[in-house]
Each structure stands twice: as C-alpha cells, then as structure tokens.
Amino acid sequence: FPSHDRAFVKGRGLVSVAGNESIAVAATSVDADDAINVTLEGSSNDMAIPSYYVVRTASTGFTIYFSAPFTGSCNWSVINQ
C-alpha cells in the first residue's frame, strides 16, 4: 500500500463520565470516514456496563450515548481510514 493509504491514529484521549447518559468529545480531526474506537472502564466491580453507540460530527468531534447512566471513564481513539 502507498503510505498515504495506511491507517494511523489521528487522536486519542480519556474522558470521565459521572452518571450521564452521554458524553461529548471534542476532536476536530474527525472526518466522515474515520474509525472511532471506544473502551469503557466502570467505576466499581458490580457495575453493569451499558451498551453504547457513537454519533460523529465531522470536524467537531463525537458523542458517546449510553443505554443507561454510566459512571467511569472512556478511552477513545480516532483512526484515519
């Protein structure tokens, strides 16, 4: 593959969530076709981890929506596609 076709990390970070059903992440490098990866880390052992989905706004960032209020942290990365 030519070097310009390879995937690479465009941005990454960690956001804390305190009992919310969503969290907005500012990431101006997000394009319409980038991959957004999210890993949830709960704040306690007995916590039910909700399902989630991501909605992007190109050049602005993305919002992570949870199926139930979530408390913990979200590790995220944006991969160029």
PDB file of N, CA and C in Angstrom:
ATOM      1  N   PHE A   1       0.840  -1.191   0.000  1.00  0.00           N
ATOM      2  CA  PHE A   1       0.000   0.000   0.000  1.00  0.00           C
ATOM      3  C   PHE A   1       0.878   1.245   0.000  1.00  0.00           C
ATOM      4  N   PRO A   2       0.496   2.268  -0.726  1.00  0.00           N
ATOM      5  CA  PRO A   2       1.215   3.546  -0.595  1.00  0.00           C
ATOM      6  C   PRO A   2       1.047   4.077   0.826  1.00  0.00           C
ATOM      7  N   SER A   3       2.014   4.821   1.305  1.00  0.00           N
ATOM      8  CA  SER A   3       1.990   5.286   2.692  1.00  0.00           C
ATOM      9  C   SER A   3       0.763   6.137   3.014  1.00  0.00           C
ATOM     10  N   HIS A   4       0.206   6.851   2.042  1.00  0.00           N
ATOM     11  CA  HIS A   4      -0.956   7.690   2.316  1.00  0.00           C
ATOM     12  C   HIS A   4      -2.238   6.874   2.505  1.00  0.00           C
ATOM     13  N   ASP A   5      -2.213   5.570   2.189  1.00  0.00           N
ATOM     14  CA  ASP A   5      -3.396   4.726   2.348  1.00  0.00           C
ATOM     15  C   ASP A   5      -3.431   3.988   3.677  1.00  0.00           C
ATOM     16  N   ARG A   6      -2.381   4.063   4.463  1.00  0.00           N
ATOM     17  CA  ARG A   6      -2.332   3.323   5.715  1.00  0.00           C
ATOM     18  C   ARG A   6      -3.118   4.024   6.810  1.00  0.00           C
ATOM     19  N   ALA A   7      -3.721   3.211   7.656  1.00  0.00           N
ATOM     20  CA  ALA A   7      -4.447   3.754   8.808  1.00  0.00           C
ATOM     21  C   ALA A   7      -3.451   4.243   9.849  1.00  0.00           C
ATOM     22  N   PHE A   8      -3.770   5.318  10.527  1.00  0.00           N
ATOM     23  CA  PHE A   8      -2.947   5.832  11.610  1.00  0.00           C
ATOM     24  C   PHE A   8      -3.828   6.536  12.623  1.00  0.00           C
ATOM     25  N   VAL A   9      -3.337   6.648  13.848  1.00  0.00           N
ATOM     26  CA  VAL A   9      -4.093   7.290  14.921  1.00  0.00           C
ATOM     27  C   VAL A   9      -4.046   8.801  14.729  1.00  0.00           C
ATOM     28  N   LYS A  10      -5.208   9.410  14.589  1.00  0.00           N
ATOM     29  CA  LYS A  10      -5.305  10.862  14.421  1.00  0.00           C
ATOM     30  C   LYS A  10      -5.514  11.577  15.741  1.00  0.00           C
ATOM     31  N   GLY A  11      -6.060  10.863  16.718  1.00  0.00           N
ATOM     32  CA  GLY A  11      -6.320  11.464  18.018  1.00  0.00           C
ATOM     33  C   GLY A  11      -6.693  10.395  19.011  1.00  0.00           C
ATOM     34  N   ARG A  12      -6.437  10.675  20.271  1.00  0.00           N
ATOM     35  CA  ARG A  12      -6.834   9.743  21.329  1.00  0.00           C
ATOM     36  C   ARG A  12      -6.966  10.510  22.621  1.00  0.00           C
ATOM     37  N   GLY A  13      -7.699   9.932  23.562  1.00  0.00           N
ATOM     38  CA  GLY A  13      -7.879  10.622  24.823  1.00  0.00           C
ATOM     39  C   GLY A  13      -8.659   9.793  25.818  1.00  0.00           C
ATOM     40  N   LEU A  14      -8.928  10.413  26.944  1.00  0.00           N
ATOM     41  CA  LEU A  14      -9.659   9.801  28.044  1.00  0.00           C
ATOM     42  C   LEU A  14     -10.619  10.848  28.581  1.00  0.00           C
ATOM     43  N   VAL A  15     -11.884  10.481  28.703  1.00  0.00           N
ATOM     44  CA  VAL A  15     -12.880  11.378  29.286  1.00  0.00           C
ATOM     45  C   VAL A  15     -13.542  10.675  30.457  1.00  0.00           C
ATOM     46  N   SER A  16     -13.852  11.429  31.489  1.00  0.00           N
ATOM     47  CA  SER A  16     -14.552  10.897  32.653  1.00  0.00           C
ATOM     48  C   SER A  16     -16.038  11.172  32.516  1.00  0.00           C
ATOM     49  N   VAL A  17     -16.846  10.225  32.993  1.00  0.00           N
ATOM     50  CA  VAL A  17     -18.295  10.337  32.928  1.00  0.00           C
ATOM     51  C   VAL A  17     -18.839  10.122  34.340  1.00  0.00           C
ATOM     52  N   ALA A  18     -19.719  11.000  34.775  1.00  0.00           N
ATOM     53  CA  ALA A  18     -20.261  10.924  36.133  1.00  0.00           C
ATOM     54  C   ALA A  18     -21.776  10.731  36.105  1.00  0.00           C
ATOM     55  N   GLY A  19     -22.217   9.493  35.873  1.00  0.00           N
ATOM     56  CA  GLY A  19     -23.644   9.197  35.905  1.00  0.00           C
ATOM     57  C   GLY A  19     -24.438   9.814  34.784  1.00  0.00           C
ATOM     58  N   ASN A  20     -23.853   9.926  33.613  1.00  0.00           N
ATOM     59  CA  ASN A  20     -24.524  10.552  32.474  1.00  0.00           C
ATOM     60  C   ASN A  20     -24.969   9.510  31.459  1.00  0.00           C
ATOM     61  N   GLU A  21     -25.918   9.898  30.609  1.00  0.00           N
ATOM     62  CA  GLU A  21     -26.350   9.023  29.524  1.00  0.00           C
ATOM     63  C   GLU A  21     -25.647   9.353  28.216  1.00  0.00           C
ATOM     64  N   SER A  22     -24.782  10.394  28.225  1.00  0.00           N
ATOM     65  CA  SER A  22     -23.980  10.717  27.048  1.00  0.00           C
ATOM     66  C   SER A  22     -22.794  11.576  27.475  1.00  0.00           C
ATOM     67  N   ILE A  23     -21.791  11.601  26.610  1.00  0.00           N
ATOM     68  CA  ILE A  23     -20.628  12.470  26.836  1.00  0.00           C
ATOM     69  C   ILE A  23     -20.146  12.942  25.469  1.00  0.00           C
ATOM     70  N   ALA A  24     -19.941  14.246  25.335  1.00  0.00           N
ATOM     71  CA  ALA A  24     -19.450  14.825  24.089  1.00  0.00           C
ATOM     72  C   ALA A  24     -17.936  14.898  24.143  1.00  0.00           C
ATOM     73  N   VAL A  25     -17.290  14.536  23.040  1.00  0.00           N
ATOM     74  CA  VAL A  25     -15.838  14.563  22.935  1.00  0.00           C
ATOM     75  C   VAL A  25     -15.461  15.492  21.790  1.00  0.00           C
ATOM     76  N   ALA A  26     -14.693  16.537  22.094  1.00  0.00           N
ATOM     77  CA  ALA A  26     -14.211  17.443  21.056  1.00  0.00           C
ATOM     78  C   ALA A  26     -12.991  16.817  20.395  1.00  0.00           C
ATOM     79  N   ALA A  27     -13.074  16.608  19.097  1.00  0.00           N
ATOM     80  CA  ALA A  27     -11.960  16.041  18.327  1.00  0.00           C
ATOM     81  C   ALA A  27     -12.063  16.602  16.916  1.00  0.00           C
ATOM     82  N   THR A  28     -11.430  17.738  16.683  1.00  0.00           N
ATOM     83  CA  THR A  28     -11.578  18.439  15.406  1.00  0.00           C
ATOM     84  C   THR A  28     -10.996  17.671  14.231  1.00  0.00           C
ATOM     85  N   SER A  29     -10.192  16.637  14.503  1.00  0.00           N
ATOM     86  CA  SER A  29      -9.583  15.874  13.413  1.00  0.00           C
ATOM     87  C   SER A  29     -10.496  14.792  12.846  1.00  0.00           C
ATOM     88  N   VAL A  30     -11.709  14.635  13.382  1.00  0.00           N
ATOM     89  CA  VAL A  30     -12.615  13.568  12.931  1.00  0.00           C
ATOM     90  C   VAL A  30     -13.167  13.891  11.538  1.00  0.00           C
ATOM     91  N   ASP A  31     -12.970  12.939  10.615  1.00  0.00           N
ATOM     92  CA  ASP A  31     -13.547  13.038   9.277  1.00  0.00           C
ATOM     93  C   ASP A  31     -14.754  12.106   9.197  1.00  0.00           C
ATOM     94  N   ALA A  32     -15.515  12.230   8.122  1.00  0.00           N
ATOM     95  CA  ALA A  32     -16.735  11.438   7.959  1.00  0.00           C
ATOM     96  C   ALA A  32     -16.474   9.944   7.829  1.00  0.00           C
ATOM     97  N   ASP A  33     -15.251   9.531   7.436  1.00  0.00           N
ATOM     98  CA  ASP A  33     -14.986   8.104   7.235  1.00  0.00           C
ATOM     99  C   ASP A  33     -13.977   7.523   8.218  1.00  0.00           C
ATOM    100  N   ASP A  34     -13.589   8.247   9.256  1.00  0.00           N
ATOM    101  CA  ASP A  34     -12.644   7.724  10.245  1.00  0.00           C
ATOM    102  C   ASP A  34     -13.303   6.694  11.148  1.00  0.00           C
ATOM    103  N   ALA A  35     -12.498   5.797  11.681  1.00  0.00           N
ATOM    104  CA  ALA A  35     -12.981   4.834  12.673  1.00  0.00           C
ATOM    105  C   ALA A  35     -12.831   5.458  14.055  1.00  0.00           C
ATOM    106  N   ILE A  36     -13.863   5.322  14.876  1.00  0.00           N
ATOM    107  CA  ILE A  36     -13.821   5.822  16.255  1.00  0.00           C
ATOM    108  C   ILE A  36     -13.932   4.606  17.170  1.00  0.00           C
ATOM    109  N   ASN A  37     -12.907   4.382  17.971  1.00  0.00           N
ATOM    110  CA  ASN A  37     -12.888   3.256  18.905  1.00  0.00           C
ATOM    111  C   ASN A  37     -13.089   3.775  20.315  1.00  0.00           C
ATOM    112  N   VAL A  38     -13.914   3.071  21.101  1.00  0.00           N
ATOM    113  CA  VAL A  38     -14.207   3.474  22.472  1.00  0.00           C
ATOM    114  C   VAL A  38     -14.099   2.247  23.376  1.00  0.00           C
ATOM    115  N   THR A  39     -13.461   2.411  24.522  1.00  0.00           N
ATOM    116  CA  THR A  39     -13.407   1.378  25.555  1.00  0.00           C
ATOM    117  C   THR A  39     -13.918   1.997  26.848  1.00  0.00           C
ATOM    118  N   LEU A  40     -14.881   1.336  27.488  1.00  0.00           N
ATOM    119  CA  LEU A  40     -15.451   1.829  28.745  1.00  0.00           C
ATOM    120  C   LEU A  40     -14.770   1.159  29.926  1.00  0.00           C
ATOM    121  N   GLU A  41     -14.516   1.936  30.968  1.00  0.00           N
ATOM    122  CA  GLU A  41     -13.988   1.404  32.216  1.00  0.00           C
ATOM    123  C   GLU A  41     -14.887   1.884  33.337  1.00  0.00           C
ATOM    124  N   GLY A  42     -15.564   0.944  33.999  1.00  0.00           N
ATOM    125  CA  GLY A  42     -16.508   1.291  35.058  1.00  0.00           C
ATOM    126  C   GLY A  42     -15.807   1.729  36.329  1.00  0.00           C
ATOM    127  N   SER A  43     -16.585   2.323  37.223  1.00  0.00           N
ATOM    128  CA  SER A  43     -16.023   2.858  38.460  1.00  0.00           C
ATOM    129  C   SER A  43     -16.100   1.874  39.627  1.00  0.00           C
ATOM    130  N   SER A  44     -16.786   0.732  39.452  1.00  0.00           N
ATOM    131  CA  SER A  44     -16.876  -0.248  40.540  1.00  0.00           C
ATOM    132  C   SER A  44     -17.007  -1.653  39.965  1.00  0.00           C
ATOM    133  N   ASN A  45     -16.748  -2.669  40.778  1.00  0.00           N
ATOM    134  CA  ASN A  45     -16.771  -4.059  40.322  1.00  0.00           C
ATOM    135  C   ASN A  45     -18.164  -4.559  39.969  1.00  0.00           C
ATOM    136  N   ASP A  46     -19.177  -4.124  40.689  1.00  0.00           N
ATOM    137  CA  ASP A  46     -20.522  -4.660  40.490  1.00  0.00           C
ATOM    138  C   ASP A  46     -21.380  -3.839  39.531  1.00  0.00           C
ATOM    139  N   MET A  47     -20.756  -2.948  38.824  1.00  0.00           N
ATOM    140  CA  MET A  47     -21.498  -2.052  37.944  1.00  0.00           C
ATOM    141  C   MET A  47     -21.847  -2.733  36.619  1.00  0.00           C
ATOM    142  N   ALA A  48     -23.082  -2.588  36.212  1.00  0.00           N
ATOM    143  CA  ALA A  48     -23.483  -3.088  34.893  1.00  0.00           C
ATOM    144  C   ALA A  48     -22.994  -2.098  33.838  1.00  0.00           C
ATOM    145  N   ILE A  49     -22.223  -2.572  32.894  1.00  0.00           N
ATOM    146  CA  ILE A  49     -21.717  -1.697  31.830  1.00  0.00           C
ATOM    147  C   ILE A  49     -22.793  -1.611  30.746  1.00  0.00           C
ATOM    148  N   PRO A  50     -23.250  -0.415  30.418  1.00  0.00           N
ATOM    149  CA  PRO A  50     -24.306  -0.283  29.409  1.00  0.00           C
ATOM    150  C   PRO A  50     -23.770  -0.479  27.999  1.00  0.00           C
ATOM    151  N   SER A  51     -24.669  -0.737  27.086  1.00  0.00           N
ATOM    152  CA  SER A  51     -24.271  -0.695  25.684  1.00  0.00           C
ATOM    153  C   SER A  51     -24.157   0.774  25.289  1.00  0.00           C
ATOM    154  N   TYR A  52     -23.486   1.038  24.186  1.00  0.00           N
ATOM    155  CA  TYR A  52     -23.280   2.425  23.766  1.00  0.00           C
ATOM    156  C   TYR A  52     -23.183   2.499  22.244  1.00  0.00           C
ATOM    157  N   TYR A  53     -23.361   3.690  21.737  1.00  0.00           N
ATOM    158  CA  TYR A  53     -23.108   3.949  20.325  1.00  0.00           C
ATOM    159  C   TYR A  53     -22.525   5.346  20.198  1.00  0.00           C
ATOM    160  N   VAL A  54     -21.896   5.606  19.060  1.00  0.00           N
ATOM    161  CA  VAL A  54     -21.184   6.858  18.825  1.00  0.00           C
ATOM    162  C   VAL A  54     -21.827   7.583  17.649  1.00  0.00           C
ATOM    163  N   VAL A  55     -22.032   8.889  17.804  1.00  0.00           N
ATOM    164  CA  VAL A  55     -22.522   9.737  16.716  1.00  0.00           C
ATOM    165  C   VAL A  55     -21.467  10.809  16.459  1.00  0.00           C
ATOM    166  N   ARG A  56     -20.969  10.858  15.247  1.00  0.00           N
ATOM    167  CA  ARG A  56     -19.910  11.817  14.896  1.00  0.00           C
ATOM    168  C   ARG A  56     -20.476  13.079  14.282  1.00  0.00           C
ATOM    169  N   THR A  57     -19.750  14.159  14.462  1.00  0.00           N
ATOM    170  CA  THR A  57     -19.956  15.400  13.733  1.00  0.00           C
ATOM    171  C   THR A  57     -18.595  15.752  13.156  1.00  0.00           C
ATOM    172  N   ALA A  58     -18.421  15.527  11.853  1.00  0.00           N
ATOM    173  CA  ALA A  58     -17.126  15.739  11.216  1.00  0.00           C
ATOM    174  C   ALA A  58     -16.574  17.122  11.530  1.00  0.00           C
ATOM    175  N   SER A  59     -15.280  17.180  11.784  1.00  0.00           N
ATOM    176  CA  SER A  59     -14.521  18.403  12.097  1.00  0.00           C
ATOM    177  C   SER A  59     -14.864  19.000  13.457  1.00  0.00           C
ATOM    178  N   THR A  60     -15.720  18.339  14.233  1.00  0.00           N
ATOM    179  CA  THR A  60     -16.104  18.836  15.553  1.00  0.00           C
ATOM    180  C   THR A  60     -15.796  17.822  16.637  1.00  0.00           C
ATOM    181  N   GLY A  61     -16.179  16.563  16.412  1.00  0.00           N
ATOM    182  CA  GLY A  61     -15.972  15.523  17.401  1.00  0.00           C
ATOM    183  C   GLY A  61     -17.058  14.478  17.322  1.00  0.00           C
ATOM    184  N   PHE A  62     -17.376  13.887  18.468  1.00  0.00           N
ATOM    185  CA  PHE A  62     -18.393  12.855  18.505  1.00  0.00           C
ATOM    186  C   PHE A  62     -19.004  12.807  19.902  1.00  0.00           C
ATOM    187  N   THR A  63     -20.182  12.180  19.979  1.00  0.00           N
ATOM    188  CA  THR A  63     -20.866  11.992  21.246  1.00  0.00           C
ATOM    189  C   THR A  63     -21.057  10.502  21.463  1.00  0.00           C
ATOM    190  N   ILE A  64     -20.759  10.042  22.680  1.00  0.00           N
ATOM    191  CA  ILE A  64     -20.986   8.655  23.056  1.00  0.00           C
ATOM    192  C   ILE A  64     -22.289   8.618  23.850  1.00  0.00           C
ATOM    193  N   TYR A  65     -23.257   7.836  23.378  1.00  0.00           N
ATOM    194  CA  TYR A  65     -24.546   7.686  24.052  1.00  0.00           C
ATOM    195  C   TYR A  65     -24.600   6.318  24.730  1.00  0.00           C
ATOM    196  N   PHE A  66     -25.054   6.277  25.986  1.00  0.00           N
ATOM    197  CA  PHE A  66     -25.140   5.045  26.763  1.00  0.00           C
ATOM    198  C   PHE A  66     -26.592   4.623  26.916  1.00  0.00           C
ATOM    199  N   SER A  67     -26.834   3.304  27.031  1.00  0.00           N
ATOM    200  CA  SER A  67     -28.196   2.793  27.193  1.00  0.00           C
ATOM    201  C   SER A  67     -28.723   3.017  28.606  1.00  0.00           C
ATOM    202  N   ALA A  68     -27.838   3.362  29.540  1.00  0.00           N
ATOM    203  CA  ALA A  68     -28.209   3.669  30.927  1.00  0.00           C
ATOM    204  C   ALA A  68     -27.153   4.623  31.471  1.00  0.00           C
ATOM    205  N   PRO A  69     -27.452   5.374  32.525  1.00  0.00           N
ATOM    206  CA  PRO A  69     -26.439   6.274  33.083  1.00  0.00           C
ATOM    207  C   PRO A  69     -25.145   5.515  33.407  1.00  0.00           C
ATOM    208  N   PHE A  70     -24.030   6.076  32.989  1.00  0.00           N
ATOM    209  CA  PHE A  70     -22.722   5.432  33.149  1.00  0.00           C
ATOM    210  C   PHE A  70     -21.813   6.318  33.982  1.00  0.00           C
ATOM    211  N   THR A  71     -21.072   5.691  34.899  1.00  0.00           N
ATOM    212  CA  THR A  71     -20.050   6.384  35.675  1.00  0.00           C
ATOM    213  C   THR A  71     -18.738   5.644  35.488  1.00  0.00           C
ATOM    214  N   GLY A  72     -17.743   6.339  35.036  1.00  0.00           N
ATOM    215  CA  GLY A  72     -16.442   5.728  34.799  1.00  0.00           C
ATOM    216  C   GLY A  72     -15.647   6.566  33.824  1.00  0.00           C
ATOM    217  N   SER A  73     -14.857   5.907  33.007  1.00  0.00           N
ATOM    218  CA  SER A  73     -14.066   6.632  32.016  1.00  0.00           C
ATOM    219  C   SER A  73     -14.185   5.959  30.657  1.00  0.00           C
ATOM    220  N   CYS A  74     -13.946   6.754  29.619  1.00  0.00           N
ATOM    221  CA  CYS A  74     -13.988   6.280  28.241  1.00  0.00           C
ATOM    222  C   CYS A  74     -12.642   6.596  27.594  1.00  0.00           C
ATOM    223  N   ASN A  75     -11.940   5.556  27.207  1.00  0.00           N
ATOM    224  CA  ASN A  75     -10.744   5.726  26.390  1.00  0.00           C
ATOM    225  C   ASN A  75     -11.198   5.738  24.943  1.00  0.00           C
ATOM    226  N   TRP A  76     -10.720   6.677  24.158  1.00  0.00           N
ATOM    227  CA  TRP A  76     -11.146   6.749  22.769  1.00  0.00           C
ATOM    228  C   TRP A  76      -9.953   6.995  21.855  1.00  0.00           C
ATOM    229  N   SER A  77     -10.113   6.583  20.604  1.00  0.00           N
ATOM    230  CA  SER A  77      -9.125   6.876  19.574  1.00  0.00           C
ATOM    231  C   SER A  77      -9.840   7.068  18.245  1.00  0.00           C
ATOM    232  N   VAL A  78      -9.256   7.904  17.421  1.00  0.00           N
ATOM    233  CA  VAL A  78      -9.759   8.153  16.080  1.00  0.00           C
ATOM    234  C   VAL A  78      -8.693   7.634  15.107  1.00  0.00           C
ATOM    235  N   ILE A  79      -9.095   6.709  14.241  1.00  0.00           N
ATOM    236  CA  ILE A  79      -8.182   6.093  13.288  1.00  0.00           C
ATOM    237  C   ILE A  79      -8.516   6.583  11.886  1.00  0.00           C
ATOM    238  N   ASN A  80      -7.526   7.133  11.218  1.00  0.00           N
ATOM    239  CA  ASN A  80      -7.704   7.578   9.836  1.00  0.00           C
ATOM    240  C   ASN A  80      -8.009   6.382   8.952  1.00  0.00           C
ATOM    241  N   GLN A  81      -8.991   6.513   8.078  1.00  0.00           N
ATOM    242  CA  GLN A  81      -9.362   5.436   7.157  1.00  0.00           C
ATOM    243  C   GLN A  81      -9.141   5.867   5.731  1.00  0.00           C
TER     244      GLN A  81
END
